[in-house]
Amino acid sequence: MSQAWVEHYATALRDYLSGSGEAALQRAHELGRQALKDGVGVLDVVARHHENIGRILRGEESRLGQRKT
């Protein structure tokens, strides 16, 4: 799995969660197809997804904490 793929996936996930809807889903679909073509396993993709969700949530928690102070 290339670093470029990881970065593109992270961007597509953030875009989807921020409301980009179908465009971000389409990019994620194409990234998934590319991963399969490159021989990347489903567990590798799930691991990257999990890492990205964790980063996003930690970022949200940090921003929420900053608002309270």
C-alpha atoms as a PDB file:
ATOM      1  CA  MET A   1       0.000   0.000   0.000  1.00  0.00           C
ATOM      2  CA  SER A   2       1.586   3.235  -1.111  1.00  0.00           C
ATOM      3  CA  GLN A   3       1.806   6.369   0.994  1.00  0.00           C
ATOM      4  CA  ALA A   4      -0.058   8.222  -1.762  1.00  0.00           C
ATOM      5  CA  TRP A   5      -2.972   5.770  -1.464  1.00  0.00           C
ATOM      6  CA  VAL A   6      -3.060   6.227   2.316  1.00  0.00           C
ATOM      7  CA  GLU A   7      -3.129  10.024   1.930  1.00  0.00           C
ATOM      8  CA  HIS A   8      -5.828   9.930  -0.770  1.00  0.00           C
ATOM      9  CA  TYR A   9      -7.964   7.650   1.388  1.00  0.00           C
ATOM     10  CA  ALA A  10      -7.584   9.916   4.422  1.00  0.00           C
ATOM     11  CA  THR A  11      -8.630  12.908   2.328  1.00  0.00           C
ATOM     12  CA  ALA A  12     -11.657  11.092   0.888  1.00  0.00           C
ATOM     13  CA  LEU A  13     -12.752  10.015   4.371  1.00  0.00           C
ATOM     14  CA  ARG A  14     -12.403  13.530   5.812  1.00  0.00           C
ATOM     15  CA  ASP A  15     -14.253  14.972   2.821  1.00  0.00           C
ATOM     16  CA  TYR A  16     -17.084  12.484   3.215  1.00  0.00           C
ATOM     17  CA  LEU A  17     -17.419  13.160   6.929  1.00  0.00           C
ATOM     18  CA  SER A  18     -17.458  16.902   6.299  1.00  0.00           C
ATOM     19  CA  GLY A  19     -20.383  16.564   3.900  1.00  0.00           C
ATOM     20  CA  SER A  20     -18.960  15.959   0.420  1.00  0.00           C
ATOM     21  CA  GLY A  21     -21.370  13.060  -0.020  1.00  0.00           C
ATOM     22  CA  GLU A  22     -21.366  11.126  -3.264  1.00  0.00           C
ATOM     23  CA  ALA A  23     -18.178  12.667  -4.670  1.00  0.00           C
ATOM     24  CA  ALA A  24     -16.155  11.452  -1.688  1.00  0.00           C
ATOM     25  CA  LEU A  25     -17.856   8.046  -1.793  1.00  0.00           C
ATOM     26  CA  GLN A  26     -16.958   7.712  -5.464  1.00  0.00           C
ATOM     27  CA  ARG A  27     -13.308   8.515  -4.697  1.00  0.00           C
ATOM     28  CA  ALA A  28     -13.313   5.957  -1.867  1.00  0.00           C
ATOM     29  CA  HIS A  29     -14.816   3.359  -4.202  1.00  0.00           C
ATOM     30  CA  GLU A  30     -12.098   3.980  -6.782  1.00  0.00           C
ATOM     31  CA  LEU A  31      -9.422   3.800  -4.070  1.00  0.00           C
ATOM     32  CA  GLY A  32     -10.842   0.455  -2.954  1.00  0.00           C
ATOM     33  CA  ARG A  33     -10.751  -0.865  -6.515  1.00  0.00           C
ATOM     34  CA  GLN A  34      -7.155   0.321  -6.877  1.00  0.00           C
ATOM     35  CA  ALA A  35      -6.192  -1.388  -3.624  1.00  0.00           C
ATOM     36  CA  LEU A  36      -7.676  -4.681  -4.804  1.00  0.00           C
ATOM     37  CA  LYS A  37      -5.908  -4.335  -8.153  1.00  0.00           C
ATOM     38  CA  ASP A  38      -2.622  -3.749  -6.296  1.00  0.00           C
ATOM     39  CA  GLY A  39      -3.165  -6.853  -4.156  1.00  0.00           C
ATOM     40  CA  VAL A  40      -3.856  -5.007  -0.910  1.00  0.00           C
ATOM     41  CA  GLY A  41      -5.846  -7.107   1.529  1.00  0.00           C
ATOM     42  CA  VAL A  42      -9.150  -6.103   3.067  1.00  0.00           C
ATOM     43  CA  LEU A  43      -7.619  -6.157   6.547  1.00  0.00           C
ATOM     44  CA  ASP A  44      -4.970  -3.658   5.444  1.00  0.00           C
ATOM     45  CA  VAL A  45      -7.656  -1.303   4.163  1.00  0.00           C
ATOM     46  CA  VAL A  46      -9.670  -1.727   7.372  1.00  0.00           C
ATOM     47  CA  ALA A  47      -6.553  -1.009   9.439  1.00  0.00           C
ATOM     48  CA  ARG A  48      -5.969   2.259   7.555  1.00  0.00           C
ATOM     49  CA  HIS A  49      -9.640   3.172   8.001  1.00  0.00           C
ATOM     50  CA  HIS A  50      -9.395   2.515  11.742  1.00  0.00           C
ATOM     51  CA  GLU A  51      -6.237   4.639  12.015  1.00  0.00           C
ATOM     52  CA  ASN A  52      -7.871   7.511  10.157  1.00  0.00           C
ATOM     53  CA  ILE A  53     -11.044   7.405  12.236  1.00  0.00           C
ATOM     54  CA  GLY A  54      -8.885   7.508  15.371  1.00  0.00           C
ATOM     55  CA  ARG A  55      -6.996  10.548  14.107  1.00  0.00           C
ATOM     56  CA  ILE A  56     -10.204  12.317  13.186  1.00  0.00           C
ATOM     57  CA  LEU A  57     -11.787  11.603  16.561  1.00  0.00           C
ATOM     58  CA  ARG A  58      -8.705  12.699  18.480  1.00  0.00           C
ATOM     59  CA  GLY A  59      -8.688  15.918  16.459  1.00  0.00           C
ATOM     60  CA  GLU A  60     -12.349  16.502  17.258  1.00  0.00           C
ATOM     61  CA  GLU A  61     -11.713  15.832  20.937  1.00  0.00           C
ATOM     62  CA  SER A  62      -8.845  18.330  20.928  1.00  0.00           C
ATOM     63  CA  ARG A  63     -11.005  21.025  19.347  1.00  0.00           C
ATOM     64  CA  LEU A  64     -13.825  20.352  21.804  1.00  0.00           C
ATOM     65  CA  GLY A  65     -11.395  20.595  24.705  1.00  0.00           C
ATOM     66  CA  GLN A  66     -10.050  23.895  23.413  1.00  0.00           C
ATOM     67  CA  ARG A  67     -13.542  25.376  23.224  1.00  0.00           C
ATOM     68  CA  LYS A  68     -14.176  24.651  26.894  1.00  0.00           C
ATOM     69  CA  THR A  69     -11.131  26.568  28.141  1.00  0.00           C
END
